[in-house]
All heavy atoms as atom14 arrays in JSON, in Angstrom:
{
  "sequence": "LGSVNRLVTSALDPISSMPAFKNAKVTARAVPTPERESHPDDARTG",
  "atom14_mask": [
    [1, 1, 1, 1, 1, 1, 1, 1, 0, 0, 0, 0, 0, 0],
    [1, 1, 1, 1, 0, 0, 0, 0, 0, 0, 0, 0, 0, 0],
    [1, 1, 1, 1, 1, 1, 0, 0, 0, 0, 0, 0, 0, 0],
    [1, 1, 1, 1, 1, 1, 1, 0, 0, 0, 0, 0, 0, 0],
    [1, 1, 1, 1, 1, 1, 1, 1, 0, 0, 0, 0, 0, 0],
    [1, 1, 1, 1, 1, 1, 1, 1, 1, 1, 1, 0, 0, 0],
    [1, 1, 1, 1, 1, 1, 1, 1, 0, 0, 0, 0, 0, 0],
    [1, 1, 1, 1, 1, 1, 1, 0, 0, 0, 0, 0, 0, 0],
    [1, 1, 1, 1, 1, 1, 1, 0, 0, 0, 0, 0, 0, 0],
    [1, 1, 1, 1, 1, 1, 0, 0, 0, 0, 0, 0, 0, 0],
    [1, 1, 1, 1, 1, 0, 0, 0, 0, 0, 0, 0, 0, 0],
    [1, 1, 1, 1, 1, 1, 1, 1, 0, 0, 0, 0, 0, 0],
    [1, 1, 1, 1, 1, 1, 1, 1, 0, 0, 0, 0, 0, 0],
    [1, 1, 1, 1, 1, 1, 1, 0, 0, 0, 0, 0, 0, 0],
    [1, 1, 1, 1, 1, 1, 1, 1, 0, 0, 0, 0, 0, 0],
    [1, 1, 1, 1, 1, 1, 0, 0, 0, 0, 0, 0, 0, 0],
    [1, 1, 1, 1, 1, 1, 0, 0, 0, 0, 0, 0, 0, 0],
    [1, 1, 1, 1, 1, 1, 1, 1, 0, 0, 0, 0, 0, 0],
    [1, 1, 1, 1, 1, 1, 1, 0, 0, 0, 0, 0, 0, 0],
    [1, 1, 1, 1, 1, 0, 0, 0, 0, 0, 0, 0, 0, 0],
    [1, 1, 1, 1, 1, 1, 1, 1, 1, 1, 1, 0, 0, 0],
    [1, 1, 1, 1, 1, 1, 1, 1, 1, 0, 0, 0, 0, 0],
    [1, 1, 1, 1, 1, 1, 1, 1, 0, 0, 0, 0, 0, 0],
    [1, 1, 1, 1, 1, 0, 0, 0, 0, 0, 0, 0, 0, 0],
    [1, 1, 1, 1, 1, 1, 1, 1, 1, 0, 0, 0, 0, 0],
    [1, 1, 1, 1, 1, 1, 1, 0, 0, 0, 0, 0, 0, 0],
    [1, 1, 1, 1, 1, 1, 1, 0, 0, 0, 0, 0, 0, 0],
    [1, 1, 1, 1, 1, 0, 0, 0, 0, 0, 0, 0, 0, 0],
    [1, 1, 1, 1, 1, 1, 1, 1, 1, 1, 1, 0, 0, 0],
    [1, 1, 1, 1, 1, 0, 0, 0, 0, 0, 0, 0, 0, 0],
    [1, 1, 1, 1, 1, 1, 1, 0, 0, 0, 0, 0, 0, 0],
    [1, 1, 1, 1, 1, 1, 1, 0, 0, 0, 0, 0, 0, 0],
    [1, 1, 1, 1, 1, 1, 1, 0, 0, 0, 0, 0, 0, 0],
    [1, 1, 1, 1, 1, 1, 1, 0, 0, 0, 0, 0, 0, 0],
    [1, 1, 1, 1, 1, 1, 1, 1, 1, 0, 0, 0, 0, 0],
    [1, 1, 1, 1, 1, 1, 1, 1, 1, 1, 1, 0, 0, 0],
    [1, 1, 1, 1, 1, 1, 1, 1, 1, 0, 0, 0, 0, 0],
    [1, 1, 1, 1, 1, 1, 0, 0, 0, 0, 0, 0, 0, 0],
    [1, 1, 1, 1, 1, 1, 1, 1, 1, 1, 0, 0, 0, 0],
    [1, 1, 1, 1, 1, 1, 1, 0, 0, 0, 0, 0, 0, 0],
    [1, 1, 1, 1, 1, 1, 1, 1, 0, 0, 0, 0, 0, 0],
    [1, 1, 1, 1, 1, 1, 1, 1, 0, 0, 0, 0, 0, 0],
    [1, 1, 1, 1, 1, 0, 0, 0, 0, 0, 0, 0, 0, 0],
    [1, 1, 1, 1, 1, 1, 1, 1, 1, 1, 1, 0, 0, 0],
    [1, 1, 1, 1, 1, 1, 1, 0, 0, 0, 0, 0, 0, 0],
    [1, 1, 1, 1, 0, 0, 0, 0, 0, 0, 0, 0, 0, 0]
  ],
  "atom14_positions": [
    [[0.81, -1.21, 0.0], [0.0, 0.0, 0.0], [0.84, 1.27, 0.0], [0.34, 2.35, -0.3], [-0.93, 0.01, 1.21], [-2.12, -0.96, 1.16], [-2.86, -0.95, 2.48], [-3.05, -0.61, 0.01], [0.0, 0.0, 0.0], [0.0, 0.0, 0.0], [0.0, 0.0, 0.0], [0.0, 0.0, 0.0], [0.0, 0.0, 0.0], [0.0, 0.0, 0.0]],
    [[2.11, 1.14, 0.33], [2.99, 2.3, 0.31], [3.75, 2.47, -0.98], [4.62, 3.34, -1.09], [0.0, 0.0, 0.0], [0.0, 0.0, 0.0], [0.0, 0.0, 0.0], [0.0, 0.0, 0.0], [0.0, 0.0, 0.0], [0.0, 0.0, 0.0], [0.0, 0.0, 0.0], [0.0, 0.0, 0.0], [0.0, 0.0, 0.0], [0.0, 0.0, 0.0]],
    [[3.44, 1.69, -2.0], [4.18, 1.72, -3.27], [3.67, 2.85, -4.16], [2.71, 2.71, -4.91], [4.02, 0.38, -4.0], [4.7, 0.39, -5.23], [0.0, 0.0, 0.0], [0.0, 0.0, 0.0], [0.0, 0.0, 0.0], [0.0, 0.0, 0.0], [0.0, 0.0, 0.0], [0.0, 0.0, 0.0], [0.0, 0.0, 0.0], [0.0, 0.0, 0.0]],
    [[4.34, 3.99, -4.09], [3.86, 5.18, -4.77], [3.9, 5.04, -6.29], [3.15, 5.71, -7.0], [4.66, 6.42, -4.3], [6.1, 6.37, -4.8], [3.98, 7.71, -4.74], [0.0, 0.0, 0.0], [0.0, 0.0, 0.0], [0.0, 0.0, 0.0], [0.0, 0.0, 0.0], [0.0, 0.0, 0.0], [0.0, 0.0, 0.0], [0.0, 0.0, 0.0]],
    [[4.76, 4.15, -6.81], [4.82, 3.99, -8.26], [3.57, 3.32, -8.84], [3.42, 3.24, -10.05], [6.07, 3.21, -8.66], [7.32, 4.07, -8.57], [7.24, 5.29, -8.6], [8.47, 3.44, -8.44], [0.0, 0.0, 0.0], [0.0, 0.0, 0.0], [0.0, 0.0, 0.0], [0.0, 0.0, 0.0], [0.0, 0.0, 0.0], [0.0, 0.0, 0.0]],
    [[2.66, 2.88, -7.97], [1.35, 2.44, -8.45], [0.58, 3.58, -9.09], [-0.34, 3.37, -9.88], [0.52, 1.91, -7.27], [1.0, 0.62, -6.65], [0.12, 0.25, -5.48], [0.4, -1.08, -4.98], [-0.43, -1.77, -4.21], [-1.58, -1.23, -3.86], [-0.12, -2.97, -3.79], [0.0, 0.0, 0.0], [0.0, 0.0, 0.0], [0.0, 0.0, 0.0]],
    [[0.92, 4.82, -8.71], [0.18, 5.99, -9.17], [0.74, 6.58, -10.45], [0.12, 7.48, -11.04], [0.19, 7.06, -8.07], [-0.35, 6.64, -6.7], [-0.11, 7.74, -5.68], [-1.82, 6.28, -6.78], [0.0, 0.0, 0.0], [0.0, 0.0, 0.0], [0.0, 0.0, 0.0], [0.0, 0.0, 0.0], [0.0, 0.0, 0.0], [0.0, 0.0, 0.0]],
    [[1.9, 6.1, -10.88], [2.57, 6.67, -12.06], [1.89, 6.18, -13.33], [1.65, 4.98, -13.49], [4.06, 6.3, -12.06], [4.74, 6.8, -13.33], [4.75, 6.88, -10.83], [0.0, 0.0, 0.0], [0.0, 0.0, 0.0], [0.0, 0.0, 0.0], [0.0, 0.0, 0.0], [0.0, 0.0, 0.0], [0.0, 0.0, 0.0], [0.0, 0.0, 0.0]],
    [[1.59, 7.08, -14.22], [0.91, 6.71, -15.46], [1.88, 6.03, -16.42], [3.08, 5.96, -16.19], [0.32, 7.94, -16.15], [1.39, 8.72, -16.72], [-0.47, 8.8, -15.18], [0.0, 0.0, 0.0], [0.0, 0.0, 0.0], [0.0, 0.0, 0.0], [0.0, 0.0, 0.0], [0.0, 0.0, 0.0], [0.0, 0.0, 0.0], [0.0, 0.0, 0.0]],
    [[1.34, 5.55, -17.54], [2.16, 4.9, -18.56], [2.75, 5.9, -19.55], [3.36, 5.48, -20.55], [1.32, 3.85, -19.3], [0.83, 2.89, -18.4], [0.0, 0.0, 0.0], [0.0, 0.0, 0.0], [0.0, 0.0, 0.0], [0.0, 0.0, 0.0], [0.0, 0.0, 0.0], [0.0, 0.0, 0.0], [0.0, 0.0, 0.0], [0.0, 0.0, 0.0]],
    [[2.59, 7.19, -19.31], [3.14, 8.21, -20.21], [4.66, 8.15, -20.21], [5.28, 8.0, -19.15], [2.66, 9.59, -19.79], [0.0, 0.0, 0.0], [0.0, 0.0, 0.0], [0.0, 0.0, 0.0], [0.0, 0.0, 0.0], [0.0, 0.0, 0.0], [0.0, 0.0, 0.0], [0.0, 0.0, 0.0], [0.0, 0.0, 0.0], [0.0, 0.0, 0.0]],
    [[5.27, 8.28, -21.39], [6.72, 8.21, -21.53], [7.23, 9.42, -22.29], [6.54, 9.97, -23.16], [7.13, 6.94, -22.28], [6.7, 5.59, -21.68], [7.09, 4.46, -22.63], [7.32, 5.38, -20.32], [0.0, 0.0, 0.0], [0.0, 0.0, 0.0], [0.0, 0.0, 0.0], [0.0, 0.0, 0.0], [0.0, 0.0, 0.0], [0.0, 0.0, 0.0]],
    [[8.44, 9.82, -22.0], [9.13, 10.83, -22.8], [9.29, 10.28, -24.21], [9.81, 9.18, -24.39], [10.49, 11.13, -22.17], [11.25, 12.23, -22.88], [11.56, 12.07, -24.08], [11.57, 13.24, -22.24], [0.0, 0.0, 0.0], [0.0, 0.0, 0.0], [0.0, 0.0, 0.0], [0.0, 0.0, 0.0], [0.0, 0.0, 0.0], [0.0, 0.0, 0.0]],
    [[8.88, 11.01, -25.24], [8.93, 10.47, -26.6], [10.34, 10.26, -27.13], [10.53, 9.52, -28.11], [8.19, 11.52, -27.42], [8.3, 12.79, -26.62], [8.3, 12.35, -25.19], [0.0, 0.0, 0.0], [0.0, 0.0, 0.0], [0.0, 0.0, 0.0], [0.0, 0.0, 0.0], [0.0, 0.0, 0.0], [0.0, 0.0, 0.0], [0.0, 0.0, 0.0]],
    [[11.34, 10.86, -26.51], [12.72, 10.73, -26.98], [13.47, 9.7, -26.16], [14.13, 8.81, -26.71], [13.44, 12.1, -26.91], [12.71, 13.13, -27.79], [14.9, 11.96, -27.35], [13.2, 14.55, -27.6], [0.0, 0.0, 0.0], [0.0, 0.0, 0.0], [0.0, 0.0, 0.0], [0.0, 0.0, 0.0], [0.0, 0.0, 0.0], [0.0, 0.0, 0.0]],
    [[13.38, 9.77, -24.84], [14.17, 8.9, -23.97], [13.42, 7.7, -23.45], [14.02, 6.79, -22.88], [14.67, 9.71, -22.77], [13.59, 10.1, -21.94], [0.0, 0.0, 0.0], [0.0, 0.0, 0.0], [0.0, 0.0, 0.0], [0.0, 0.0, 0.0], [0.0, 0.0, 0.0], [0.0, 0.0, 0.0], [0.0, 0.0, 0.0], [0.0, 0.0, 0.0]],
    [[12.1, 7.7, -23.59], [11.23, 6.67, -22.99], [11.29, 6.68, -21.47], [11.01, 5.67, -20.82], [11.55, 5.27, -23.53], [11.31, 5.2, -24.92], [0.0, 0.0, 0.0], [0.0, 0.0, 0.0], [0.0, 0.0, 0.0], [0.0, 0.0, 0.0], [0.0, 0.0, 0.0], [0.0, 0.0, 0.0], [0.0, 0.0, 0.0], [0.0, 0.0, 0.0]],
    [[11.63, 7.81, -20.89], [11.58, 7.98, -19.44], [10.14, 8.05, -18.98], [9.35, 8.82, -19.52], [12.31, 9.26, -19.04], [12.11, 9.68, -17.59], [12.92, 8.6, -16.4], [14.6, 9.24, -16.5], [0.0, 0.0, 0.0], [0.0, 0.0, 0.0], [0.0, 0.0, 0.0], [0.0, 0.0, 0.0], [0.0, 0.0, 0.0], [0.0, 0.0, 0.0]],
    [[9.75, 7.27, -17.97], [8.4, 7.4, -17.41], [8.24, 8.72, -16.66], [9.2, 9.3, -16.16], [8.3, 6.21, -16.45], [9.36, 5.26, -16.89], [10.47, 6.12, -17.42], [0.0, 0.0, 0.0], [0.0, 0.0, 0.0], [0.0, 0.0, 0.0], [0.0, 0.0, 0.0], [0.0, 0.0, 0.0], [0.0, 0.0, 0.0], [0.0, 0.0, 0.0]],
    [[7.0, 9.16, -16.56], [6.69, 10.42, -15.88], [6.48, 10.16, -14.4], [5.37, 10.25, -13.86], [5.46, 11.07, -16.5], [0.0, 0.0, 0.0], [0.0, 0.0, 0.0], [0.0, 0.0, 0.0], [0.0, 0.0, 0.0], [0.0, 0.0, 0.0], [0.0, 0.0, 0.0], [0.0, 0.0, 0.0], [0.0, 0.0, 0.0], [0.0, 0.0, 0.0]],
    [[7.56, 9.85, -13.69], [7.49, 9.5, -12.27], [7.06, 10.68, -11.39], [6.46, 10.48, -10.33], [8.86, 9.03, -11.77], [9.23, 7.64, -12.18], [10.17, 7.42, -13.18], [8.66, 6.54, -11.56], [10.53, 6.13, -13.54], [9.01, 5.26, -11.92], [9.95, 5.04, -12.91], [0.0, 0.0, 0.0], [0.0, 0.0, 0.0], [0.0, 0.0, 0.0]],
    [[7.4, 11.91, -11.78], [7.38, 13.01, -10.83], [6.1, 13.85, -10.84], [6.03, 14.82, -10.08], [8.56, 13.94, -11.09], [9.93, 13.3, -10.93], [10.2, 12.85, -9.53], [11.64, 12.37, -9.36], [11.88, 11.77, -8.06], [0.0, 0.0, 0.0], [0.0, 0.0, 0.0], [0.0, 0.0, 0.0], [0.0, 0.0, 0.0], [0.0, 0.0, 0.0]],
    [[5.13, 13.54, -11.64], [3.97, 14.44, -11.66], [2.65, 13.7, -11.81], [1.77, 14.11, -12.55], [4.11, 15.5, -12.75], [4.23, 14.89, -14.14], [4.46, 13.7, -14.3], [4.06, 15.72, -15.16], [0.0, 0.0, 0.0], [0.0, 0.0, 0.0], [0.0, 0.0, 0.0], [0.0, 0.0, 0.0], [0.0, 0.0, 0.0], [0.0, 0.0, 0.0]],
    [[2.49, 12.58, -11.08], [1.2, 11.91, -11.04], [0.19, 12.81, -10.34], [0.47, 13.4, -9.31], [1.31, 10.58, -10.32], [0.0, 0.0, 0.0], [0.0, 0.0, 0.0], [0.0, 0.0, 0.0], [0.0, 0.0, 0.0], [0.0, 0.0, 0.0], [0.0, 0.0, 0.0], [0.0, 0.0, 0.0], [0.0, 0.0, 0.0], [0.0, 0.0, 0.0]],
    [[-0.99, 12.93, -10.91], [-2.06, 13.73, -10.33], [-3.0, 12.82, -9.56], [-3.43, 11.79, -10.07], [-2.83, 14.47, -11.42], [-1.96, 15.3, -12.36], [-1.14, 16.33, -11.6], [-0.35, 17.21, -12.54], [0.69, 16.49, -13.29], [0.0, 0.0, 0.0], [0.0, 0.0, 0.0], [0.0, 0.0, 0.0], [0.0, 0.0, 0.0], [0.0, 0.0, 0.0]],
    [[-3.3, 13.18, -8.32], [-4.11, 12.32, -7.46], [-5.13, 13.14, -6.69], [-4.98, 14.34, -6.52], [-3.24, 11.54, -6.45], [-2.26, 10.64, -7.16], [-2.51, 12.5, -5.51], [0.0, 0.0, 0.0], [0.0, 0.0, 0.0], [0.0, 0.0, 0.0], [0.0, 0.0, 0.0], [0.0, 0.0, 0.0], [0.0, 0.0, 0.0], [0.0, 0.0, 0.0]],
    [[-6.16, 12.45, -6.24], [-7.0, 13.02, -5.2], [-6.54, 12.44, -3.87], [-6.01, 11.33, -3.8], [-8.48, 12.68, -5.42], [-8.64, 11.26, -5.48], [-8.98, 13.32, -6.7], [0.0, 0.0, 0.0], [0.0, 0.0, 0.0], [0.0, 0.0, 0.0], [0.0, 0.0, 0.0], [0.0, 0.0, 0.0], [0.0, 0.0, 0.0], [0.0, 0.0, 0.0]],
    [[-6.73, 13.22, -2.82], [-6.27, 12.8, -1.5], [-7.39, 12.98, -0.49], [-8.12, 13.97, -0.53], [-5.06, 13.65, -1.09], [0.0, 0.0, 0.0], [0.0, 0.0, 0.0], [0.0, 0.0, 0.0], [0.0, 0.0, 0.0], [0.0, 0.0, 0.0], [0.0, 0.0, 0.0], [0.0, 0.0, 0.0], [0.0, 0.0, 0.0], [0.0, 0.0, 0.0]],
    [[-7.51, 12.0, 0.4], [-8.52, 12.11, 1.44], [-8.12, 11.27, 2.65], [-7.35, 10.32, 2.54], [-9.89, 11.68, 0.93], [-9.97, 10.23, 0.52], [-11.35, 9.93, -0.03], [-11.45, 8.57, -0.51], [-12.53, 8.08, -1.1], [-13.58, 8.85, -1.29], [-12.55, 6.84, -1.53], [0.0, 0.0, 0.0], [0.0, 0.0, 0.0], [0.0, 0.0, 0.0]],
    [[-8.66, 11.65, 3.78], [-8.39, 10.93, 5.01], [-9.15, 9.6, 5.0], [-10.28, 9.52, 4.53], [-8.82, 11.77, 6.22], [0.0, 0.0, 0.0], [0.0, 0.0, 0.0], [0.0, 0.0, 0.0], [0.0, 0.0, 0.0], [0.0, 0.0, 0.0], [0.0, 0.0, 0.0], [0.0, 0.0, 0.0], [0.0, 0.0, 0.0], [0.0, 0.0, 0.0]],
    [[-8.5, 8.56, 5.54], [-9.12, 7.24, 5.63], [-8.79, 6.63, 6.98], [-7.84, 7.05, 7.65], [-8.63, 6.31, 4.5], [-9.1, 6.8, 3.14], [-7.1, 6.17, 4.53], [0.0, 0.0, 0.0], [0.0, 0.0, 0.0], [0.0, 0.0, 0.0], [0.0, 0.0, 0.0], [0.0, 0.0, 0.0], [0.0, 0.0, 0.0], [0.0, 0.0, 0.0]],
    [[-9.56, 5.62, 7.39], [-9.23, 4.93, 8.64], [-7.94, 4.13, 8.49], [-7.39, 3.98, 7.39], [-10.43, 3.99, 8.85], [-11.47, 4.44, 7.9], [-10.79, 5.12, 6.78], [0.0, 0.0, 0.0], [0.0, 0.0, 0.0], [0.0, 0.0, 0.0], [0.0, 0.0, 0.0], [0.0, 0.0, 0.0], [0.0, 0.0, 0.0], [0.0, 0.0, 0.0]],
    [[-7.48, 3.56, 9.6], [-6.28, 2.73, 9.57], [-6.48, 1.57, 8.6], [-7.45, 0.81, 8.72], [-5.98, 2.17, 10.97], [-5.82, 3.25, 11.87], [-4.71, 1.32, 10.95], [0.0, 0.0, 0.0], [0.0, 0.0, 0.0], [0.0, 0.0, 0.0], [0.0, 0.0, 0.0], [0.0, 0.0, 0.0], [0.0, 0.0, 0.0], [0.0, 0.0, 0.0]],
    [[-5.59, 1.41, 7.6], [-5.78, 0.36, 6.61], [-5.29, -0.99, 7.11], [-4.47, -1.07, 8.04], [-4.91, 0.82, 5.44], [-3.78, 1.54, 6.12], [-4.39, 2.22, 7.34], [0.0, 0.0, 0.0], [0.0, 0.0, 0.0], [0.0, 0.0, 0.0], [0.0, 0.0, 0.0], [0.0, 0.0, 0.0], [0.0, 0.0, 0.0], [0.0, 0.0, 0.0]],
    [[-5.81, -2.04, 6.51], [-5.23, -3.35, 6.75], [-3.93, -3.44, 5.97], [-3.83, -2.99, 4.83], [-6.18, -4.46, 6.29], [-7.44, -4.56, 7.13], [-8.29, -5.75, 6.72], [-7.79, -6.58, 5.93], [-9.43, -5.85, 7.19], [0.0, 0.0, 0.0], [0.0, 0.0, 0.0], [0.0, 0.0, 0.0], [0.0, 0.0, 0.0], [0.0, 0.0, 0.0]],
    [[-2.92, -4.06, 6.59], [-1.62, -4.18, 5.94], [-1.72, -5.06, 4.71], [-2.34, -6.11, 4.74], [-0.61, -4.78, 6.92], [0.78, -5.0, 6.34], [1.66, -5.59, 7.45], [3.0, -5.86, 6.98], [3.35, -6.98, 6.36], [2.46, -7.9, 6.1], [4.61, -7.16, 5.98], [0.0, 0.0, 0.0], [0.0, 0.0, 0.0], [0.0, 0.0, 0.0]],
    [[-1.11, -4.63, 3.62], [-1.03, -5.45, 2.41], [0.26, -6.23, 2.47], [1.35, -5.66, 2.49], [-1.08, -4.58, 1.16], [-1.07, -5.4, -0.12], [-1.33, -4.52, -1.33], [-2.29, -3.73, -1.29], [-0.59, -4.63, -2.3], [0.0, 0.0, 0.0], [0.0, 0.0, 0.0], [0.0, 0.0, 0.0], [0.0, 0.0, 0.0], [0.0, 0.0, 0.0]],
    [[0.17, -7.54, 2.51], [1.35, -8.36, 2.78], [2.21, -8.56, 1.56], [1.76, -8.44, 0.43], [0.93, -9.72, 3.33], [0.2, -10.43, 2.35], [0.0, 0.0, 0.0], [0.0, 0.0, 0.0], [0.0, 0.0, 0.0], [0.0, 0.0, 0.0], [0.0, 0.0, 0.0], [0.0, 0.0, 0.0], [0.0, 0.0, 0.0], [0.0, 0.0, 0.0]],
    [[3.47, -8.86, 1.82], [4.41, -9.32, 0.81], [3.89, -10.65, 0.28], [3.38, -11.47, 1.04], [5.77, -9.5, 1.49], [6.89, -9.86, 0.57], [6.94, -11.05, -0.12], [8.03, -9.2, 0.25], [8.05, -11.1, -0.81], [8.73, -9.99, -0.6], [0.0, 0.0, 0.0], [0.0, 0.0, 0.0], [0.0, 0.0, 0.0], [0.0, 0.0, 0.0]],
    [[3.97, -10.91, -1.03], [3.43, -12.15, -1.58], [3.96, -13.41, -0.94], [3.29, -14.44, -0.93], [3.84, -12.07, -3.07], [3.99, -10.62, -3.34], [4.51, -10.03, -2.06], [0.0, 0.0, 0.0], [0.0, 0.0, 0.0], [0.0, 0.0, 0.0], [0.0, 0.0, 0.0], [0.0, 0.0, 0.0], [0.0, 0.0, 0.0], [0.0, 0.0, 0.0]],
    [[5.17, -13.36, -0.38], [5.74, -14.57, 0.2], [6.02, -14.44, 1.69], [6.84, -15.16, 2.24], [7.05, -14.95, -0.53], [6.79, -15.95, -1.64], [5.63, -16.32, -1.83], [7.76, -16.36, -2.29], [0.0, 0.0, 0.0], [0.0, 0.0, 0.0], [0.0, 0.0, 0.0], [0.0, 0.0, 0.0], [0.0, 0.0, 0.0], [0.0, 0.0, 0.0]],
    [[5.32, -13.55, 2.37], [5.55, -13.37, 3.81], [5.5, -14.69, 4.57], [6.37, -15.0, 5.38], [4.48, -12.45, 4.4], [4.88, -10.99, 4.27], [5.99, -10.73, 3.8], [4.07, -10.13, 4.63], [0.0, 0.0, 0.0], [0.0, 0.0, 0.0], [0.0, 0.0, 0.0], [0.0, 0.0, 0.0], [0.0, 0.0, 0.0], [0.0, 0.0, 0.0]],
    [[4.45, -15.44, 4.33], [4.22, -16.64, 5.14], [5.32, -17.67, 4.94], [5.68, -18.41, 5.86], [2.87, -17.25, 4.78], [0.0, 0.0, 0.0], [0.0, 0.0, 0.0], [0.0, 0.0, 0.0], [0.0, 0.0, 0.0], [0.0, 0.0, 0.0], [0.0, 0.0, 0.0], [0.0, 0.0, 0.0], [0.0, 0.0, 0.0], [0.0, 0.0, 0.0]],
    [[5.87, -17.72, 3.72], [6.86, -18.76, 3.44], [8.28, -18.36, 3.81], [9.1, -19.19, 4.12], [6.8, -19.13, 1.95], [5.53, -19.83, 1.55], [5.7, -20.47, 0.18], [5.76, -19.48, -0.88], [4.69, -19.01, -1.51], [3.48, -19.39, -1.16], [4.81, -18.14, -2.48], [0.0, 0.0, 0.0], [0.0, 0.0, 0.0], [0.0, 0.0, 0.0]],
    [[8.57, -17.06, 3.74], [9.97, -16.65, 3.86], [10.28, -15.81, 5.07], [11.44, -15.68, 5.45], [10.37, -15.82, 2.63], [9.66, -14.58, 2.69], [10.04, -16.53, 1.34], [0.0, 0.0, 0.0], [0.0, 0.0, 0.0], [0.0, 0.0, 0.0], [0.0, 0.0, 0.0], [0.0, 0.0, 0.0], [0.0, 0.0, 0.0], [0.0, 0.0, 0.0]],
    [[9.28, -15.19, 5.65], [9.57, -14.25, 6.73], [10.3, -13.02, 6.24], [10.96, -12.34, 7.01], [0.0, 0.0, 0.0], [0.0, 0.0, 0.0], [0.0, 0.0, 0.0], [0.0, 0.0, 0.0], [0.0, 0.0, 0.0], [0.0, 0.0, 0.0], [0.0, 0.0, 0.0], [0.0, 0.0, 0.0], [0.0, 0.0, 0.0], [0.0, 0.0, 0.0]]
  ]
}
């Protein structure tokens, strides 16, 4: 849930193919305490 690159669009620089990491547009709002999103292999690997 803390992975901010989930918000980055698929837009790319037409010359370098650099992704547009730095200017994702979002709405923001307060929410209750979230449930933790686990690592896919937490249970097996620790």
